[in-house]
C-alpha atoms as a PDB file:
ATOM      1  CA  MET A   1       4.806 -19.202  17.895  1.00  0.00           C
ATOM      2  CA  SER A   2       1.009 -19.210  18.327  1.00  0.00           C
ATOM      3  CA  THR A   3      -0.991 -21.862  16.609  1.00  0.00           C
ATOM      4  CA  LEU A   4      -3.032 -18.761  15.408  1.00  0.00           C
ATOM      5  CA  ASP A   5      -0.239 -17.201  13.414  1.00  0.00           C
ATOM      6  CA  TRP A   6      -1.891 -17.995  10.133  1.00  0.00           C
ATOM      7  CA  VAL A   7      -4.499 -15.228  11.140  1.00  0.00           C
ATOM      8  CA  ALA A   8      -1.779 -12.526  10.440  1.00  0.00           C
ATOM      9  CA  GLU A   9      -1.030 -13.864   6.960  1.00  0.00           C
ATOM     10  CA  ALA A  10      -4.890 -14.329   6.330  1.00  0.00           C
ATOM     11  CA  MET A  11      -5.450 -10.785   7.169  1.00  0.00           C
ATOM     12  CA  LYS A  12      -2.587  -9.433   4.899  1.00  0.00           C
ATOM     13  CA  LYS A  13      -3.961 -11.557   1.956  1.00  0.00           C
ATOM     14  CA  THR A  14      -7.599 -10.915   2.203  1.00  0.00           C
ATOM     15  CA  VAL A  15      -7.555  -7.181   3.342  1.00  0.00           C
ATOM     16  CA  PRO A  16      -4.965  -5.572   1.074  1.00  0.00           C
ATOM     17  CA  TRP A  17      -4.886  -2.335   3.261  1.00  0.00           C
ATOM     18  CA  VAL A  18      -3.424  -4.234   6.116  1.00  0.00           C
ATOM     19  CA  ALA A  19      -0.184  -5.068   4.181  1.00  0.00           C
ATOM     20  CA  THR A  20      -0.094  -1.674   2.427  1.00  0.00           C
ATOM     21  CA  ALA A  21      -0.444   0.186   5.717  1.00  0.00           C
ATOM     22  CA  GLY A  22       2.327  -2.122   7.274  1.00  0.00           C
ATOM     23  CA  VAL A  23       0.153  -3.418  10.125  1.00  0.00           C
ATOM     24  CA  GLU A  24       2.136  -6.086  12.117  1.00  0.00           C
ATOM     25  CA  PHE A  25       0.371  -8.644  14.497  1.00  0.00           C
ATOM     26  CA  THR A  26       2.436  -8.934  17.615  1.00  0.00           C
ATOM     27  CA  GLU A  27      -0.033 -11.214  19.655  1.00  0.00           C
ATOM     28  CA  ILE A  28      -2.817 -13.424  18.454  1.00  0.00           C
ATOM     29  CA  ALA A  29      -5.214 -15.362  20.654  1.00  0.00           C
ATOM     30  CA  ALA A  30      -8.776 -16.585  19.847  1.00  0.00           C
ATOM     31  CA  ASP A  31     -10.235 -13.694  22.096  1.00  0.00           C
ATOM     32  CA  ARG A  32      -7.512 -11.027  21.884  1.00  0.00           C
ATOM     33  CA  VAL A  33      -5.223  -9.627  19.207  1.00  0.00           C
ATOM     34  CA  VAL A  34      -2.546  -6.923  19.399  1.00  0.00           C
ATOM     35  CA  CYS A  35      -1.228  -5.301  16.280  1.00  0.00           C
ATOM     36  CA  SER A  36       1.040  -2.342  15.608  1.00  0.00           C
ATOM     37  CA  LEU A  37       1.502   0.316  12.948  1.00  0.00           C
ATOM     38  CA  PRO A  38       4.720   2.270  12.329  1.00  0.00           C
ATOM     39  CA  ASP A  39       4.826   6.178  12.105  1.00  0.00           C
ATOM     40  CA  VAL A  40       4.604   6.809   8.420  1.00  0.00           C
ATOM     41  CA  GLU A  41       5.047  10.473   7.482  1.00  0.00           C
ATOM     42  CA  GLY A  42       2.771  10.266   4.554  1.00  0.00           C
ATOM     43  CA  GLN A  43      -0.064   9.034   6.913  1.00  0.00           C
ATOM     44  CA  ARG A  44       0.139  11.869   9.338  1.00  0.00           C
ATOM     45  CA  ASN A  45      -2.598  14.628   9.885  1.00  0.00           C
ATOM     46  CA  HIS A  46      -2.320  18.345  10.246  1.00  0.00           C
ATOM     47  CA  VAL A  47      -0.846  18.187  13.856  1.00  0.00           C
ATOM     48  CA  GLY A  48       1.797  15.539  13.118  1.00  0.00           C
ATOM     49  CA  GLY A  49      -0.007  12.364  14.417  1.00  0.00           C
ATOM     50  CA  PRO A  50      -1.540   9.472  12.609  1.00  0.00           C
ATOM     51  CA  HIS A  51      -4.467  10.499  10.508  1.00  0.00           C
ATOM     52  CA  ALA A  52      -7.822   9.388  12.183  1.00  0.00           C
ATOM     53  CA  ALA A  53      -8.425   7.076   9.349  1.00  0.00           C
ATOM     54  CA  VAL A  54      -5.162   5.253  10.130  1.00  0.00           C
ATOM     55  CA  VAL A  55      -5.947   5.060  13.864  1.00  0.00           C
ATOM     56  CA  PHE A  56      -9.570   3.723  12.991  1.00  0.00           C
ATOM     57  CA  GLY A  57      -8.112   1.258  10.358  1.00  0.00           C
ATOM     58  CA  LEU A  58      -5.544  -0.053  12.853  1.00  0.00           C
ATOM     59  CA  ALA A  59      -8.204  -0.798  15.496  1.00  0.00           C
ATOM     60  CA  GLU A  60     -10.715  -2.114  12.938  1.00  0.00           C
ATOM     61  CA  THR A  61      -8.027  -4.430  11.533  1.00  0.00           C
ATOM     62  CA  ALA A  62      -7.275  -5.750  15.111  1.00  0.00           C
ATOM     63  CA  SER A  63     -11.065  -6.374  15.728  1.00  0.00           C
ATOM     64  CA  GLY A  64     -11.426  -8.310  12.447  1.00  0.00           C
ATOM     65  CA  ALA A  65      -8.505 -10.482  13.367  1.00  0.00           C
ATOM     66  CA  VAL A  66     -10.155 -11.338  16.673  1.00  0.00           C
ATOM     67  CA  GLY A  67     -13.215 -12.278  14.718  1.00  0.00           C
ATOM     68  CA  LEU A  68     -11.341 -14.385  12.238  1.00  0.00           C
ATOM     69  CA  ALA A  69      -9.324 -16.133  15.214  1.00  0.00           C
ATOM     70  CA  SER A  70     -12.513 -16.643  17.300  1.00  0.00           C
ATOM     71  CA  PHE A  71     -14.795 -17.882  14.395  1.00  0.00           C
ATOM     72  CA  ALA A  72     -12.495 -19.430  11.721  1.00  0.00           C
ATOM     73  CA  ALA A  73     -14.422 -22.711  12.063  1.00  0.00           C
ATOM     74  CA  GLU A  74     -17.583 -20.976  11.034  1.00  0.00           C
ATOM     75  CA  MET A  75     -16.318 -19.037   8.027  1.00  0.00           C
ATOM     76  CA  GLY A  76     -17.544 -21.859   5.604  1.00  0.00           C
ATOM     77  CA  ARG A  77     -21.198 -21.018   6.690  1.00  0.00           C
ATOM     78  CA  ALA A  78     -21.116 -17.315   7.676  1.00  0.00           C
ATOM     79  CA  THR A  79     -19.377 -14.199   6.634  1.00  0.00           C
ATOM     80  CA  PRO A  80     -18.122 -11.632   9.356  1.00  0.00           C
ATOM     81  CA  LEU A  81     -19.315  -8.004   8.767  1.00  0.00           C
ATOM     82  CA  VAL A  82     -19.015  -4.830  10.645  1.00  0.00           C
ATOM     83  CA  VAL A  83     -22.401  -3.597  11.961  1.00  0.00           C
ATOM     84  CA  ARG A  84     -21.278  -0.445  13.527  1.00  0.00           C
ATOM     85  CA  SER A  85     -18.256   1.093  15.219  1.00  0.00           C
ATOM     86  CA  GLU A  86     -17.504   3.990  17.459  1.00  0.00           C
ATOM     87  CA  ILE A  87     -14.244   5.538  18.172  1.00  0.00           C
ATOM     88  CA  ARG A  88     -13.451   7.843  21.117  1.00  0.00           C
ATOM     89  CA  TYR A  89     -10.131   9.744  20.702  1.00  0.00           C
ATOM     90  CA  LYS A  90      -8.611  10.517  24.221  1.00  0.00           C
ATOM     91  CA  LYS A  91      -5.255  12.048  23.519  1.00  0.00           C
ATOM     92  CA  LEU A  92      -3.165  13.211  20.502  1.00  0.00           C
ATOM     93  CA  ALA A  93      -1.497  10.106  19.095  1.00  0.00           C
ATOM     94  CA  LEU A  94       2.098  10.597  17.879  1.00  0.00           C
ATOM     95  CA  GLY A  95       4.530   7.959  16.581  1.00  0.00           C
ATOM     96  CA  PRO A  96       3.992   4.263  16.228  1.00  0.00           C
ATOM     97  CA  LEU A  97       0.810   2.879  17.581  1.00  0.00           C
ATOM     98  CA  THR A  98      -0.608  -0.381  18.954  1.00  0.00           C
ATOM     99  CA  ALA A  99      -4.124  -1.661  19.074  1.00  0.00           C
ATOM    100  CA  GLU A 100      -5.298  -4.273  21.469  1.00  0.00           C
ATOM    101  CA  ALA A 101      -8.740  -5.824  20.510  1.00  0.00           C
ATOM    102  CA  VAL A 102     -10.676  -8.072  22.882  1.00  0.00           C
ATOM    103  CA  LEU A 103     -13.708 -10.193  22.297  1.00  0.00           C
ATOM    104  CA  THR A 104     -16.274  -9.127  25.047  1.00  0.00           C
ATOM    105  CA  ARG A 105     -18.254 -12.455  25.331  1.00  0.00           C
ATOM    106  CA  PRO A 106     -17.425 -16.058  24.879  1.00  0.00           C
ATOM    107  CA  ALA A 107     -17.282 -17.335  21.194  1.00  0.00           C
ATOM    108  CA  ALA A 108     -19.322 -20.365  22.196  1.00  0.00           C
ATOM    109  CA  GLN A 109     -22.289 -18.118  22.823  1.00  0.00           C
ATOM    110  CA  VAL A 110     -21.909 -16.481  19.491  1.00  0.00           C
ATOM    111  CA  VAL A 111     -21.656 -19.925  17.818  1.00  0.00           C
ATOM    112  CA  ALA A 112     -24.734 -21.179  19.774  1.00  0.00           C
ATOM    113  CA  GLU A 113     -26.861 -18.244  18.401  1.00  0.00           C
ATOM    114  CA  LEU A 114     -25.446 -19.005  14.782  1.00  0.00           C
ATOM    115  CA  ASP A 115     -26.544 -22.715  15.279  1.00  0.00           C
ATOM    116  CA  ALA A 116     -29.814 -21.668  16.428  1.00  0.00           C
ATOM    117  CA  GLY A 117     -30.512 -19.884  13.140  1.00  0.00           C
ATOM    118  CA  THR A 118     -30.038 -16.406  14.059  1.00  0.00           C
ATOM    119  CA  ARG A 119     -27.554 -13.728  12.833  1.00  0.00           C
ATOM    120  CA  PRO A 120     -25.469 -13.239  16.021  1.00  0.00           C
ATOM    121  CA  GLU A 121     -23.626 -10.008  16.865  1.00  0.00           C
ATOM    122  CA  PHE A 122     -20.457  -9.789  19.017  1.00  0.00           C
ATOM    123  CA  THR A 123     -18.604  -6.758  20.263  1.00  0.00           C
ATOM    124  CA  VAL A 124     -14.863  -6.207  20.228  1.00  0.00           C
ATOM    125  CA  GLU A 125     -13.384  -3.533  22.410  1.00  0.00           C
ATOM    126  CA  CYS A 126     -10.184  -1.960  21.233  1.00  0.00           C
ATOM    127  CA  THR A 127      -7.498   0.183  22.926  1.00  0.00           C
ATOM    128  CA  ILE A 128      -5.141   2.190  20.901  1.00  0.00           C
ATOM    129  CA  ARG A 129      -1.911   3.217  22.526  1.00  0.00           C
ATOM    130  CA  ASN A 130       1.239   5.236  21.728  1.00  0.00           C
ATOM    131  CA  ALA A 131       4.799   3.847  22.048  1.00  0.00           C
ATOM    132  CA  GLU A 132       4.799   4.830  25.752  1.00  0.00           C
ATOM    133  CA  GLY A 133       1.659   2.699  26.373  1.00  0.00           C
ATOM    134  CA  VAL A 134      -0.674   5.769  26.901  1.00  0.00           C
ATOM    135  CA  THR A 135      -4.134   5.154  25.571  1.00  0.00           C
ATOM    136  CA  THR A 136      -4.818   7.626  22.760  1.00  0.00           C
ATOM    137  CA  ALA A 137      -8.095   6.184  21.547  1.00  0.00           C
ATOM    138  CA  GLU A 138     -10.710   3.529  22.368  1.00  0.00           C
ATOM    139  CA  MET A 139     -12.996   1.888  19.921  1.00  0.00           C
ATOM    140  CA  THR A 140     -15.946  -0.382  20.029  1.00  0.00           C
ATOM    141  CA  VAL A 141     -16.723  -2.509  16.914  1.00  0.00           C
ATOM    142  CA  VAL A 142     -19.952  -4.566  16.675  1.00  0.00           C
ATOM    143  CA  TRP A 143     -19.645  -7.451  14.168  1.00  0.00           C
ATOM    144  CA  THR A 144     -22.126  -9.981  12.950  1.00  0.00           C
ATOM    145  CA  LEU A 145     -21.695 -13.331  11.304  1.00  0.00           C
ATOM    146  CA  ARG A 146     -24.120 -13.314   8.381  1.00  0.00           C
ATOM    147  CA  PRO A 147     -25.152 -16.858   7.489  1.00  0.00           C
ATOM    148  CA  ASN A 148     -24.106 -17.632   3.954  1.00  0.00           C
ATOM    149  CA  ARG A 149     -26.916 -18.384   1.384  1.00  0.00           C
ATOM    150  CA  THR A 150     -26.952 -22.037   0.271  1.00  0.00           C
END
């Protein structure tokens, strides 16, 4: 068990869609999270794969978990918010999916910017794969840590 296992429970409690959709967290590290989503018939699109909103939601959830794991110590003074995201669909996704999210720069750099009084941004790169490990989509999510008002 990872010392960051609390991240999965926190995500399920604070983001109701995570539990509703059935997202499971299989790996959690401060700079990398892997989560999965089962194939649910009611979440499929017109060609039999997971709806684009489901694919996007899985990757965004993984990216948010990276942010929580990386910046948990800062949550008392800053709120993580998505600034922008871009998804690139590569291949028709069918069946269960996994999303791997990776922080692209050291968390210490982001915290140093927050300490300096700026509103830092950080990027999380996500790879969505099918059950065979084939990449079906890639997503870039840019987050910010908005300083809390005192």
